[in-house]
């Protein structure tokens, strides 16, 4: 019996398992695309830092799992879902930490957690920047374009710029560096995100 329990505790979730959960709990296309964007950026930075690409990607994919079903309990409901699926505690803690200061008091500590915290809101700002372009293509977006929309406070007003700033500081990055890396990762899956542009 103890061997079975140990095996369950050591279960490492796969990308397919994570995406099944996403499809189960998230129905809005834009939120699914956001999950895919965050996954791509997490994978990009994991590879850049020589970290576990699958782990970083899977955590990015499920970070907003409960946003549609119980937004008032954001990350708390996700903890319940992931615990029921026997996900490792460090995966769950990382998800909680991305909402530090708004929904939780779980401080991002690891490189993985700080990265997720920093890039989550930024993916939304970059998506919005792409969608206001005539081409609606993220391939046409430059770092300077994002910096321009950043300064327009009523543009993508729901994007918490102070969180991005704080996250960049945690990572020891200039804002432009963080934008460049995040944009590059998202451009790599432009078609999947529906941001390849109009014909």
C-alpha atoms as a PDB file:
ATOM      1  CA  UNK A   1       0.000   0.000   0.000  1.00  0.00           C
ATOM      2  CA  UNK A   2       2.792   2.454   0.934  1.00  0.00           C
ATOM      3  CA  UNK A   3       4.459   1.786  -2.428  1.00  0.00           C
ATOM      4  CA  UNK A   4       1.250   2.723  -4.253  1.00  0.00           C
ATOM      5  CA  UNK A   5       0.909   5.945  -2.260  1.00  0.00           C
ATOM      6  CA  UNK A   6       4.536   6.832  -2.961  1.00  0.00           C
ATOM      7  CA  UNK A   7       4.041   6.270  -6.685  1.00  0.00           C
ATOM      8  CA  UNK A   8       0.969   8.515  -6.662  1.00  0.00           C
ATOM      9  CA  UNK A   9       2.878  11.243  -4.830  1.00  0.00           C
ATOM     10  CA  UNK A  10       5.684  11.039  -7.363  1.00  0.00           C
ATOM     11  CA  UNK A  11       3.364  11.273 -10.385  1.00  0.00           C
ATOM     12  CA  UNK A  12       4.794  13.695 -12.926  1.00  0.00           C
ATOM     13  CA  UNK A  13       1.981  15.176 -15.028  1.00  0.00           C
ATOM     14  CA  UNK A  14       2.381  15.080 -18.787  1.00  0.00           C
ATOM     15  CA  UNK A  15       1.548  17.784 -21.257  1.00  0.00           C
ATOM     16  CA  UNK A  16      -1.410  15.764 -22.566  1.00  0.00           C
ATOM     17  CA  UNK A  17      -2.800  15.370 -19.041  1.00  0.00           C
ATOM     18  CA  UNK A  18      -2.428  19.095 -18.469  1.00  0.00           C
ATOM     19  CA  UNK A  19      -4.184  19.961 -21.712  1.00  0.00           C
ATOM     20  CA  UNK A  20      -7.045  17.596 -20.893  1.00  0.00           C
ATOM     21  CA  UNK A  21      -7.580  19.564 -17.688  1.00  0.00           C
ATOM     22  CA  UNK A  22      -7.470  22.824 -19.651  1.00  0.00           C
ATOM     23  CA  UNK A  23     -10.164  21.557 -22.031  1.00  0.00           C
ATOM     24  CA  UNK A  24     -12.240  20.326 -19.098  1.00  0.00           C
ATOM     25  CA  UNK A  25     -12.224  23.575 -17.133  1.00  0.00           C
ATOM     26  CA  UNK A  26     -11.679  26.299 -19.750  1.00  0.00           C
ATOM     27  CA  UNK A  27     -14.163  26.850 -22.570  1.00  0.00           C
ATOM     28  CA  UNK A  28     -13.329  30.354 -23.803  1.00  0.00           C
ATOM     29  CA  UNK A  29     -11.031  30.357 -26.818  1.00  0.00           C
ATOM     30  CA  UNK A  30      -9.192  33.500 -25.718  1.00  0.00           C
ATOM     31  CA  UNK A  31      -8.391  31.989 -22.320  1.00  0.00           C
ATOM     32  CA  UNK A  32      -7.216  28.734 -23.894  1.00  0.00           C
ATOM     33  CA  UNK A  33      -4.997  30.793 -26.188  1.00  0.00           C
ATOM     34  CA  UNK A  34      -3.663  32.648 -23.153  1.00  0.00           C
ATOM     35  CA  UNK A  35      -2.794  29.320 -21.522  1.00  0.00           C
ATOM     36  CA  UNK A  36      -0.989  28.243 -24.697  1.00  0.00           C
ATOM     37  CA  UNK A  37       0.885  31.551 -24.860  1.00  0.00           C
ATOM     38  CA  UNK A  38       2.062  31.273 -21.253  1.00  0.00           C
ATOM     39  CA  UNK A  39       3.065  27.655 -21.867  1.00  0.00           C
ATOM     40  CA  UNK A  40       5.153  28.665 -24.893  1.00  0.00           C
ATOM     41  CA  UNK A  41       6.900  31.469 -23.023  1.00  0.00           C
ATOM     42  CA  UNK A  42       7.633  29.226 -20.044  1.00  0.00           C
ATOM     43  CA  UNK A  43       9.126  26.612 -22.373  1.00  0.00           C
ATOM     44  CA  UNK A  44      11.232  29.304 -24.041  1.00  0.00           C
ATOM     45  CA  UNK A  45      12.694  30.513 -20.751  1.00  0.00           C
ATOM     46  CA  UNK A  46      13.188  26.993 -19.404  1.00  0.00           C
ATOM     47  CA  UNK A  47      15.266  26.142 -22.456  1.00  0.00           C
ATOM     48  CA  UNK A  48      17.157  29.424 -22.154  1.00  0.00           C
ATOM     49  CA  UNK A  49      18.094  28.635 -18.546  1.00  0.00           C
ATOM     50  CA  UNK A  50      18.739  24.910 -19.041  1.00  0.00           C
ATOM     51  CA  UNK A  51      15.713  23.963 -16.928  1.00  0.00           C
ATOM     52  CA  UNK A  52      13.047  21.256 -17.261  1.00  0.00           C
ATOM     53  CA  UNK A  53      11.144  22.417 -20.355  1.00  0.00           C
ATOM     54  CA  UNK A  54       8.224  20.004 -19.885  1.00  0.00           C
ATOM     55  CA  UNK A  55       7.704  20.961 -16.254  1.00  0.00           C
ATOM     56  CA  UNK A  56       7.805  24.693 -16.941  1.00  0.00           C
ATOM     57  CA  UNK A  57       5.454  24.312 -19.912  1.00  0.00           C
ATOM     58  CA  UNK A  58       2.921  22.171 -18.065  1.00  0.00           C
ATOM     59  CA  UNK A  59       2.759  24.629 -15.164  1.00  0.00           C
ATOM     60  CA  UNK A  60       2.287  27.519 -17.570  1.00  0.00           C
ATOM     61  CA  UNK A  61      -0.503  25.643 -19.339  1.00  0.00           C
ATOM     62  CA  UNK A  62      -2.624  25.100 -16.203  1.00  0.00           C
ATOM     63  CA  UNK A  63      -1.902  28.353 -14.359  1.00  0.00           C
ATOM     64  CA  UNK A  64      -5.415  29.783 -14.950  1.00  0.00           C
ATOM     65  CA  UNK A  65      -7.297  26.505 -14.742  1.00  0.00           C
ATOM     66  CA  UNK A  66      -9.980  27.812 -12.366  1.00  0.00           C
ATOM     67  CA  UNK A  67     -10.460  31.282 -13.845  1.00  0.00           C
ATOM     68  CA  UNK A  68     -13.814  30.483 -15.480  1.00  0.00           C
ATOM     69  CA  UNK A  69     -15.254  28.111 -12.898  1.00  0.00           C
ATOM     70  CA  UNK A  70     -14.375  29.934  -9.657  1.00  0.00           C
ATOM     71  CA  UNK A  71     -12.613  33.259 -10.347  1.00  0.00           C
ATOM     72  CA  UNK A  72     -13.336  34.416  -6.801  1.00  0.00           C
ATOM     73  CA  UNK A  73     -11.164  31.522  -5.576  1.00  0.00           C
ATOM     74  CA  UNK A  74      -8.451  31.879  -8.225  1.00  0.00           C
ATOM     75  CA  UNK A  75      -5.580  29.422  -7.650  1.00  0.00           C
ATOM     76  CA  UNK A  76      -7.349  27.934  -4.602  1.00  0.00           C
ATOM     77  CA  UNK A  77      -9.716  25.929  -6.789  1.00  0.00           C
ATOM     78  CA  UNK A  78      -6.781  24.997  -9.024  1.00  0.00           C
ATOM     79  CA  UNK A  79      -4.977  23.640  -5.971  1.00  0.00           C
ATOM     80  CA  UNK A  80      -7.971  21.412  -5.246  1.00  0.00           C
ATOM     81  CA  UNK A  81      -8.130  20.201  -8.853  1.00  0.00           C
ATOM     82  CA  UNK A  82      -4.418  19.448  -9.047  1.00  0.00           C
ATOM     83  CA  UNK A  83      -4.255  17.816  -5.631  1.00  0.00           C
ATOM     84  CA  UNK A  84      -7.126  15.527  -6.667  1.00  0.00           C
ATOM     85  CA  UNK A  85      -5.079  14.612  -9.749  1.00  0.00           C
ATOM     86  CA  UNK A  86      -2.030  13.882  -7.537  1.00  0.00           C
ATOM     87  CA  UNK A  87       0.128  16.648  -8.963  1.00  0.00           C
ATOM     88  CA  UNK A  88       3.396  17.400  -7.121  1.00  0.00           C
ATOM     89  CA  UNK A  89       3.290  20.151  -4.515  1.00  0.00           C
ATOM     90  CA  UNK A  90       5.967  22.243  -6.236  1.00  0.00           C
ATOM     91  CA  UNK A  91       3.850  22.381  -9.419  1.00  0.00           C
ATOM     92  CA  UNK A  92       0.826  23.533  -7.397  1.00  0.00           C
ATOM     93  CA  UNK A  93       2.820  26.099  -5.430  1.00  0.00           C
ATOM     94  CA  UNK A  94       4.178  27.571  -8.658  1.00  0.00           C
ATOM     95  CA  UNK A  95       0.641  28.039  -9.967  1.00  0.00           C
ATOM     96  CA  UNK A  96      -0.371  29.768  -6.727  1.00  0.00           C
ATOM     97  CA  UNK A  97       2.628  32.078  -6.796  1.00  0.00           C
ATOM     98  CA  UNK A  98       1.710  33.589 -10.168  1.00  0.00           C
ATOM     99  CA  UNK A  99      -1.167  35.396  -8.443  1.00  0.00           C
ATOM    100  CA  UNK A 100       1.007  36.801  -5.646  1.00  0.00           C
ATOM    101  CA  UNK A 101      -0.289  40.098  -4.342  1.00  0.00           C
ATOM    102  CA  UNK A 102      -3.726  39.775  -5.939  1.00  0.00           C
ATOM    103  CA  UNK A 103      -5.231  36.406  -5.021  1.00  0.00           C
ATOM    104  CA  UNK A 104      -2.541  34.785  -2.879  1.00  0.00           C
ATOM    105  CA  UNK A 105       0.311  35.619  -0.552  1.00  0.00           C
ATOM    106  CA  UNK A 106       2.506  32.868  -2.017  1.00  0.00           C
ATOM    107  CA  UNK A 107       5.716  34.701  -2.915  1.00  0.00           C
ATOM    108  CA  UNK A 108       7.460  33.612  -6.137  1.00  0.00           C
ATOM    109  CA  UNK A 109      10.797  32.188  -4.998  1.00  0.00           C
ATOM    110  CA  UNK A 110      12.237  29.868  -7.628  1.00  0.00           C
ATOM    111  CA  UNK A 111      13.341  30.919 -11.111  1.00  0.00           C
ATOM    112  CA  UNK A 112      10.310  29.081 -12.490  1.00  0.00           C
ATOM    113  CA  UNK A 113       7.893  30.916 -10.183  1.00  0.00           C
ATOM    114  CA  UNK A 114       9.427  34.327 -10.828  1.00  0.00           C
ATOM    115  CA  UNK A 115       9.266  33.756 -14.581  1.00  0.00           C
ATOM    116  CA  UNK A 116       5.594  32.731 -14.491  1.00  0.00           C
ATOM    117  CA  UNK A 117       4.778  35.743 -12.334  1.00  0.00           C
ATOM    118  CA  UNK A 118       6.608  38.096 -14.700  1.00  0.00           C
ATOM    119  CA  UNK A 119       5.280  36.896 -18.051  1.00  0.00           C
ATOM    120  CA  UNK A 120       1.628  36.081 -17.323  1.00  0.00           C
ATOM    121  CA  UNK A 121       0.259  39.628 -17.678  1.00  0.00           C
ATOM    122  CA  UNK A 122       2.778  40.476 -20.393  1.00  0.00           C
ATOM    123  CA  UNK A 123       1.404  37.821 -22.760  1.00  0.00           C
ATOM    124  CA  UNK A 124      -1.958  39.589 -22.567  1.00  0.00           C
ATOM    125  CA  UNK A 125      -0.453  42.976 -23.392  1.00  0.00           C
ATOM    126  CA  UNK A 126       1.418  41.521 -26.369  1.00  0.00           C
ATOM    127  CA  UNK A 127      -1.729  39.787 -27.638  1.00  0.00           C
ATOM    128  CA  UNK A 128      -3.685  43.049 -27.399  1.00  0.00           C
ATOM    129  CA  UNK A 129      -0.884  44.881 -29.200  1.00  0.00           C
ATOM    130  CA  UNK A 130      -1.026  42.369 -32.054  1.00  0.00           C
ATOM    131  CA  UNK A 131      -4.805  42.543 -32.380  1.00  0.00           C
ATOM    132  CA  UNK A 132      -4.912  46.326 -32.873  1.00  0.00           C
ATOM    133  CA  UNK A 133      -2.531  46.130 -35.822  1.00  0.00           C
ATOM    134  CA  UNK A 134      -4.182  46.186 -39.282  1.00  0.00           C
ATOM    135  CA  UNK A 135      -2.655  42.768 -40.019  1.00  0.00           C
ATOM    136  CA  UNK A 136      -3.695  41.369 -36.611  1.00  0.00           C
ATOM    137  CA  UNK A 137      -0.400  39.469 -36.784  1.00  0.00           C
ATOM    138  CA  UNK A 138       1.975  39.053 -33.884  1.00  0.00           C
ATOM    139  CA  UNK A 139       4.717  38.631 -36.489  1.00  0.00           C
ATOM    140  CA  UNK A 140       4.466  42.373 -37.161  1.00  0.00           C
ATOM    141  CA  UNK A 141       4.814  43.311 -33.494  1.00  0.00           C
ATOM    142  CA  UNK A 142       8.145  44.728 -32.358  1.00  0.00           C
ATOM    143  CA  UNK A 143       9.442  45.376 -28.856  1.00  0.00           C
ATOM    144  CA  UNK A 144       8.982  49.115 -29.451  1.00  0.00           C
ATOM    145  CA  UNK A 145       5.319  48.499 -30.358  1.00  0.00           C
ATOM    146  CA  UNK A 146       4.729  46.854 -26.974  1.00  0.00           C
ATOM    147  CA  UNK A 147       6.595  49.640 -25.187  1.00  0.00           C
ATOM    148  CA  UNK A 148       4.339  52.139 -26.950  1.00  0.00           C
ATOM    149  CA  UNK A 149       1.119  50.403 -25.870  1.00  0.00           C
ATOM    150  CA  UNK A 150       2.596  50.018 -22.375  1.00  0.00           C
ATOM    151  CA  UNK A 151       2.612  53.795 -21.986  1.00  0.00           C
ATOM    152  CA  UNK A 152      -1.050  54.077 -22.982  1.00  0.00           C
ATOM    153  CA  UNK A 153      -2.638  53.258 -19.635  1.00  0.00           C
ATOM    154  CA  UNK A 154      -6.181  52.881 -20.987  1.00  0.00           C
ATOM    155  CA  UNK A 155      -4.936  50.340 -23.545  1.00  0.00           C
ATOM    156  CA  UNK A 156      -5.407  46.798 -22.213  1.00  0.00           C
ATOM    157  CA  UNK A 157      -6.210  48.445 -18.891  1.00  0.00           C
ATOM    158  CA  UNK A 158      -6.734  45.065 -17.247  1.00  0.00           C
ATOM    159  CA  UNK A 159      -3.081  44.222 -17.775  1.00  0.00           C
ATOM    160  CA  UNK A 160      -1.290  44.878 -14.505  1.00  0.00           C
ATOM    161  CA  UNK A 161       1.880  46.597 -15.637  1.00  0.00           C
ATOM    162  CA  UNK A 162       3.182  46.900 -12.080  1.00  0.00           C
ATOM    163  CA  UNK A 163       3.171  43.095 -11.819  1.00  0.00           C
ATOM    164  CA  UNK A 164       5.271  42.829 -14.976  1.00  0.00           C
ATOM    165  CA  UNK A 165       7.666  45.464 -13.630  1.00  0.00           C
ATOM    166  CA  UNK A 166       7.969  43.661 -10.311  1.00  0.00           C
ATOM    167  CA  UNK A 167       8.488  40.329 -12.083  1.00  0.00           C
ATOM    168  CA  UNK A 168      11.207  41.737 -14.324  1.00  0.00           C
ATOM    169  CA  UNK A 169      12.927  43.127 -11.244  1.00  0.00           C
ATOM    170  CA  UNK A 170      12.743  39.713  -9.541  1.00  0.00           C
ATOM    171  CA  UNK A 171      14.456  38.208 -12.581  1.00  0.00           C
ATOM    172  CA  UNK A 172      17.050  40.964 -12.849  1.00  0.00           C
ATOM    173  CA  UNK A 173      15.844  41.859 -16.344  1.00  0.00           C
ATOM    174  CA  UNK A 174      15.154  45.154 -18.033  1.00  0.00           C
ATOM    175  CA  UNK A 175      11.564  45.480 -19.187  1.00  0.00           C
ATOM    176  CA  UNK A 176      12.654  45.471 -22.840  1.00  0.00           C
ATOM    177  CA  UNK A 177      14.531  42.196 -22.367  1.00  0.00           C
ATOM    178  CA  UNK A 178      11.483  40.544 -20.848  1.00  0.00           C
ATOM    179  CA  UNK A 179       9.251  41.841 -23.649  1.00  0.00           C
ATOM    180  CA  UNK A 180      11.691  40.588 -26.285  1.00  0.00           C
ATOM    181  CA  UNK A 181      11.869  37.063 -24.890  1.00  0.00           C
ATOM    182  CA  UNK A 182       8.121  36.807 -24.341  1.00  0.00           C
ATOM    183  CA  UNK A 183       7.353  38.158 -27.806  1.00  0.00           C
ATOM    184  CA  UNK A 184       9.830  35.779 -29.471  1.00  0.00           C
ATOM    185  CA  UNK A 185       8.265  32.778 -27.735  1.00  0.00           C
ATOM    186  CA  UNK A 186       4.741  33.797 -28.711  1.00  0.00           C
ATOM    187  CA  UNK A 187       5.730  34.440 -32.311  1.00  0.00           C
ATOM    188  CA  UNK A 188       6.950  30.837 -32.410  1.00  0.00           C
ATOM    189  CA  UNK A 189       3.361  29.600 -32.037  1.00  0.00           C
ATOM    190  CA  UNK A 190       1.568  32.480 -33.793  1.00  0.00           C
ATOM    191  CA  UNK A 191      -0.760  30.227 -35.784  1.00  0.00           C
ATOM    192  CA  UNK A 192      -1.761  28.187 -32.734  1.00  0.00           C
ATOM    193  CA  UNK A 193      -2.591  31.413 -30.906  1.00  0.00           C
ATOM    194  CA  UNK A 194      -4.715  32.712 -33.806  1.00  0.00           C
ATOM    195  CA  UNK A 195      -2.261  35.585 -34.234  1.00  0.00           C
ATOM    196  CA  UNK A 196      -0.795  34.725 -37.620  1.00  0.00           C
ATOM    197  CA  UNK A 197      -2.807  37.581 -39.092  1.00  0.00           C
ATOM    198  CA  UNK A 198      -5.446  38.173 -41.736  1.00  0.00           C
ATOM    199  CA  UNK A 199      -4.925  37.427 -45.419  1.00  0.00           C
END
